[in-house]
C-alpha cells in the first residue's frame, strides 16, 4: 500500500500543466520541476511554449494545443499517456463589463476555454492519472466577492467550483481541488493599458491585508501543496491576500 509520504514526493512524478507556457501555469511548472517532477506543458502558442521550455529543465516537453476545441484536447491526452498530476490554468485575457454592455455571443465564448476547456481536460485526462494522483483546477475570488462588471467572471468561477466538488465525488479516489487566486500580476491583465494596469495593481494592493497584489509564485505553491496533500479533495483554496475580508 502506497504511503502518504510516498505520494507527497514529487520526485519522478509526471505533471501535466495546461496553460503552462506563462503566468500561473509556468510558475507551477517551474516549482514542480524544482522538486524533481517531469513537466509537460501545453498552450495554444508555440512561440510561448518554446520560450517557456528554455526556463524549464532538460527533459521537459511542450505541445501547442488549442484547448478550446474538444478534439484537440482528446488527441493531446491520447499522445501523452499516463501521468500523476493535472493542473489546468488555461485562460484568455480578462475583460470586465457591466451587464448592460454585455454581448451575449461573446459572453458564451468566454466560457469556452475557462470552463468547457477544463471539463474536456478532466474528461480525457482523468482515465490516465496514476494512483495517488490529483487534478488542480482554477477559479477566482469573483465567485466569493464580485464587483460591478464581474458578472461573467463570477459565473464562470462559481461553475468551476461546483464542477470541482462534483468531480471529487465522481472520480474518487483521484483528488480534485480548485484554487481561487485574488488579483495576481500575470499576462491575463494585458488587455489593460500599461499605466491603467499599474494603477489597478497599486489600488488593489494598498487595500489588501498583505499590502500587495499577488505574484504567480504565490499561487504555484498552492498547486504544489495540492499535489502533495493526499487528504484534501473537493476543496476550494482561496489565495487572495485577504481580499474577501476587506
Protein backbone atom coordinates (compact mmCIF):
# COMPACT_ATOMS: atom_id res chain seq x y z
CA UNK A 1 0.00 0.00 0.00
CA UNK A 2 1.40 3.39 -1.01
CA UNK A 3 2.06 5.61 1.98
CA UNK A 4 1.11 9.29 2.25
CA UNK A 5 4.81 10.14 2.49
CA UNK A 6 5.48 8.42 -0.84
CA UNK A 7 2.51 10.06 -2.54
CA UNK A 8 3.59 13.52 -1.38
CA UNK A 9 7.01 13.23 -3.02
CA UNK A 10 7.06 14.83 -6.48
CA UNK A 11 10.41 13.32 -7.45
CA UNK A 12 9.88 11.46 -10.71
CA UNK A 13 6.17 12.25 -10.88
CA UNK A 14 4.77 13.33 -14.24
CA UNK A 15 2.90 16.64 -14.10
CA UNK A 16 0.73 17.94 -16.96
CA UNK A 17 0.05 21.69 -16.92
CA UNK A 18 -2.47 23.02 -19.43
CA UNK A 19 -1.86 26.73 -19.81
CA UNK A 20 1.71 26.10 -18.71
CA UNK A 21 3.58 28.44 -21.04
CA UNK A 22 3.05 31.61 -18.98
CA UNK A 23 1.58 33.07 -15.81
CA UNK A 24 0.32 30.72 -13.12
CA UNK A 25 0.95 27.64 -15.23
CA UNK A 26 4.59 28.39 -15.96
CA UNK A 27 5.26 29.32 -12.34
CA UNK A 28 3.73 25.99 -11.28
CA UNK A 29 5.78 24.11 -13.87
CA UNK A 30 8.99 25.68 -12.54
CA UNK A 31 8.09 24.96 -8.93
CA UNK A 32 7.19 21.32 -9.64
CA UNK A 33 10.36 20.86 -11.69
CA UNK A 34 12.45 22.12 -8.77
CA UNK A 35 11.00 19.27 -6.71
CA UNK A 36 12.02 16.68 -9.29
CA UNK A 37 8.83 16.32 -11.33
CA UNK A 38 8.82 15.61 -15.06
CA UNK A 39 6.96 18.50 -16.69
CA UNK A 40 4.67 18.55 -19.73
CA UNK A 41 3.14 21.90 -20.67
CA UNK A 42 0.55 22.78 -23.28
CA UNK A 43 -0.92 26.01 -24.59
CA UNK A 44 -2.08 27.43 -27.89
CA UNK A 45 1.02 29.49 -28.66
CA UNK A 46 4.08 27.61 -29.95
CA UNK A 47 6.40 30.61 -29.53
CA UNK A 48 5.48 30.93 -25.84
CA UNK A 49 5.93 27.18 -25.36
CA UNK A 50 9.41 27.35 -26.89
CA UNK A 51 10.30 30.28 -24.64
CA UNK A 52 8.90 28.55 -21.55
CA UNK A 53 10.92 25.40 -22.24
CA UNK A 54 14.11 27.47 -22.03
CA UNK A 55 13.15 28.18 -18.39
CA UNK A 56 12.44 24.54 -17.55
CA UNK A 57 14.88 21.64 -17.02
CA UNK A 58 16.04 19.35 -19.79
CA UNK A 59 13.53 16.57 -20.30
CA UNK A 60 10.53 18.90 -20.05
CA UNK A 61 8.24 18.90 -23.06
CA UNK A 62 5.68 21.25 -24.56
CA UNK A 63 2.83 20.99 -27.04
CA UNK A 64 0.86 23.57 -28.99
CA UNK A 65 -2.79 22.67 -28.37
CA UNK A 66 -5.91 24.77 -28.90
CA UNK A 67 -7.64 23.78 -25.65
CA UNK A 68 -10.87 25.48 -26.70
CA UNK A 69 -11.54 22.55 -29.07
CA UNK A 70 -12.51 19.22 -27.51
CA UNK A 71 -10.99 17.08 -30.27
CA UNK A 72 -7.61 18.75 -29.76
CA UNK A 73 -7.69 18.00 -26.04
CA UNK A 74 -8.70 14.40 -26.73
CA UNK A 75 -5.82 13.95 -29.21
CA UNK A 76 -3.35 15.53 -26.78
CA UNK A 77 -4.10 13.08 -23.99
CA UNK A 78 -4.09 10.16 -26.42
CA UNK A 79 -0.46 11.06 -27.22
CA UNK A 80 0.64 11.84 -23.67
CA UNK A 81 -0.01 8.54 -21.90
CA UNK A 82 -0.14 8.06 -18.16
CA UNK A 83 0.81 10.73 -15.62
CA UNK A 84 0.39 11.72 -11.97
CA UNK A 85 -0.98 15.24 -11.66
CA UNK A 86 -3.03 17.51 -13.92
CA UNK A 87 -3.19 21.30 -13.44
CA UNK A 88 -5.48 23.46 -15.57
CA UNK A 89 -4.67 27.18 -15.68
CA UNK A 90 -5.52 27.99 -19.30
CA UNK A 91 -7.40 31.27 -19.71
CA UNK A 92 -7.64 34.25 -22.03
CA UNK A 93 -7.18 37.90 -21.03
CA UNK A 94 -9.73 39.20 -18.54
CA UNK A 95 -12.39 41.53 -19.93
CA UNK A 96 -14.73 43.14 -17.41
CA UNK A 97 -18.02 44.70 -18.50
CA UNK A 98 -21.34 45.68 -16.95
CA UNK A 99 -24.40 43.57 -17.73
CA UNK A 100 -25.97 46.32 -19.88
CA UNK A 101 -22.90 46.31 -22.13
CA UNK A 102 -22.54 42.52 -22.30
CA UNK A 103 -22.59 40.94 -25.75
CA UNK A 104 -24.23 37.55 -25.10
CA UNK A 105 -22.49 35.83 -28.02
CA UNK A 106 -19.09 36.92 -26.75
CA UNK A 107 -20.17 36.07 -23.21
CA UNK A 108 -20.80 32.46 -24.26
CA UNK A 109 -17.38 32.32 -25.88
CA UNK A 110 -15.82 33.44 -22.59
CA UNK A 111 -16.79 30.08 -21.07
CA UNK A 112 -15.16 28.07 -23.86
CA UNK A 113 -11.57 27.95 -22.63
CA UNK A 114 -12.00 28.63 -18.93
CA UNK A 115 -14.85 26.18 -18.22
CA UNK A 116 -15.51 23.85 -21.15
CA UNK A 117 -11.78 23.52 -21.82
CA UNK A 118 -11.25 22.44 -18.23
CA UNK A 119 -14.14 19.99 -18.43
CA UNK A 120 -12.66 18.40 -21.56
CA UNK A 121 -9.25 18.16 -19.90
CA UNK A 122 -10.75 16.32 -16.94
CA UNK A 123 -12.83 14.08 -19.22
CA UNK A 124 -9.87 12.88 -21.26
CA UNK A 125 -7.12 13.24 -18.68
CA UNK A 126 -8.66 11.55 -15.63
CA UNK A 127 -8.51 7.98 -17.01
CA UNK A 128 -4.73 8.36 -17.40
CA UNK A 129 -3.94 9.52 -13.85
CA UNK A 130 -1.88 7.13 -11.73
CA UNK A 131 -2.80 6.02 -8.22
CA UNK A 132 -2.34 8.83 -5.73
CA UNK A 133 -2.75 11.45 -8.45
CA UNK A 134 -4.68 14.70 -8.48
CA UNK A 135 -6.37 17.37 -10.55
CA UNK A 136 -5.90 21.06 -9.77
CA UNK A 137 -8.43 23.44 -11.31
CA UNK A 138 -8.53 27.24 -11.37
CA UNK A 139 -11.34 29.57 -10.33
CA UNK A 140 -11.07 33.02 -8.75
CA UNK A 141 -12.41 35.19 -5.95
CA UNK A 142 -15.03 36.74 -8.23
CA UNK A 143 -17.37 33.98 -7.06
CA UNK A 144 -16.80 35.00 -3.43
CA UNK A 145 -16.76 38.77 -3.78
CA UNK A 146 -17.77 40.06 -7.19
CA UNK A 147 -17.76 43.70 -8.11
CA UNK A 148 -19.58 45.67 -10.79
CA UNK A 149 -18.58 44.34 -14.19
CA UNK A 150 -17.72 40.88 -12.89
CA UNK A 151 -20.89 39.02 -13.90
CA UNK A 152 -19.19 36.66 -16.36
CA UNK A 153 -16.12 36.09 -14.20
CA UNK A 154 -18.25 35.37 -11.13
CA UNK A 155 -20.45 32.98 -13.12
CA UNK A 156 -17.51 31.01 -14.50
CA UNK A 157 -15.81 30.82 -11.12
CA UNK A 158 -18.96 29.56 -9.44
CA UNK A 159 -19.42 26.95 -12.16
CA UNK A 160 -15.83 25.76 -11.79
CA UNK A 161 -16.16 25.36 -8.04
CA UNK A 162 -19.31 23.28 -8.44
CA UNK A 163 -17.59 21.19 -11.10
CA UNK A 164 -14.65 20.59 -8.75
CA UNK A 165 -16.87 19.22 -6.00
CA UNK A 166 -18.79 17.00 -8.42
CA UNK A 167 -15.58 15.57 -9.89
CA UNK A 168 -14.09 14.93 -6.44
CA UNK A 169 -17.05 12.63 -5.80
CA UNK A 170 -17.27 11.07 -9.26
CA UNK A 171 -13.55 10.46 -9.82
CA UNK A 172 -12.60 9.36 -6.29
CA UNK A 173 -10.02 8.34 -5.20
CA UNK A 174 -8.42 10.82 -7.63
CA UNK A 175 -8.26 14.08 -5.69
CA UNK A 176 -9.81 17.15 -7.31
CA UNK A 177 -9.39 20.65 -5.86
CA UNK A 178 -9.69 24.21 -7.14
CA UNK A 179 -7.55 27.28 -6.44
CA UNK A 180 -9.15 30.73 -6.16
CA UNK A 181 -6.49 33.37 -6.79
CA UNK A 182 -7.02 37.01 -6.00
CA UNK A 183 -5.52 39.73 -8.20
CA UNK A 184 -2.23 38.30 -9.49
CA UNK A 185 0.31 40.07 -11.69
CA UNK A 186 0.15 37.96 -14.85
CA UNK A 187 -0.44 38.46 -18.56
CA UNK A 188 -4.19 37.94 -18.03
CA UNK A 189 -4.45 41.67 -17.28
CA UNK A 190 -2.69 42.66 -20.51
CA UNK A 191 -5.94 43.89 -22.06
CA UNK A 192 -5.47 46.98 -19.85
CA UNK A 193 -3.22 49.83 -20.90
CA UNK A 194 0.13 49.68 -19.02
CA UNK A 195 -0.49 52.73 -16.81
CA UNK A 196 -4.08 51.69 -16.16
CA UNK A 197 -2.85 48.23 -15.16
CA UNK A 198 -0.18 49.60 -12.83
CA UNK A 199 -2.68 51.92 -11.18
CA UNK A 200 -5.03 48.97 -10.75
CA UNK A 201 -2.32 46.87 -9.08
CA UNK A 202 -1.40 49.73 -6.73
CA UNK A 203 -5.02 50.48 -5.85
CA UNK A 204 -5.90 46.86 -5.14
CA UNK A 205 -2.62 46.13 -3.36
CA UNK A 206 -2.93 49.05 -0.96
CA UNK A 207 -6.39 47.87 0.07
CA UNK A 208 -5.33 44.32 0.93
CA UNK A 209 -4.28 42.98 4.31
CA UNK A 210 -0.86 41.98 2.93
CA UNK A 211 -0.47 45.37 1.17
CA UNK A 212 0.34 43.95 -2.27
CA UNK A 213 -1.25 42.07 -5.14
CA UNK A 214 -0.15 38.51 -5.71
CA UNK A 215 2.61 37.00 -7.81
CA UNK A 216 2.39 33.84 -9.87
CA UNK A 217 4.76 32.08 -7.47
CA UNK A 218 2.27 32.62 -4.63
CA UNK A 219 -0.32 30.59 -6.49
CA UNK A 220 2.13 27.99 -7.79
CA UNK A 221 2.92 26.96 -4.23
CA UNK A 222 -0.77 26.19 -3.71
CA UNK A 223 -0.95 23.89 -6.72
CA UNK A 224 2.14 22.07 -5.42
CA UNK A 225 0.62 21.75 -1.96
CA UNK A 226 -2.47 20.16 -3.50
CA UNK A 227 -0.39 17.67 -5.46
CA UNK A 228 1.33 16.59 -2.25
CA UNK A 229 -1.52 16.91 0.25
CA UNK A 230 -3.05 13.45 -0.08
CA UNK A 231 -6.05 14.06 2.23
CA UNK A 232 -7.63 17.11 0.55
CA UNK A 233 -10.27 16.76 -2.15
CA UNK A 234 -13.30 18.67 -3.33
CA UNK A 235 -12.00 21.84 -1.69
CA UNK A 236 -11.66 25.48 -2.72
CA UNK A 237 -8.42 27.18 -1.67
CA UNK A 238 -8.62 30.98 -1.58
CA UNK A 239 -5.23 32.65 -2.04
CA UNK A 240 -6.05 36.34 -2.26
CA UNK A 241 -4.06 38.41 0.22
CA UNK A 242 -7.18 38.88 2.30
CA UNK A 243 -9.39 40.31 -0.47
CA UNK A 244 -12.59 38.64 0.72
CA UNK A 245 -12.09 40.14 4.19
CA UNK A 246 -11.77 43.79 3.25
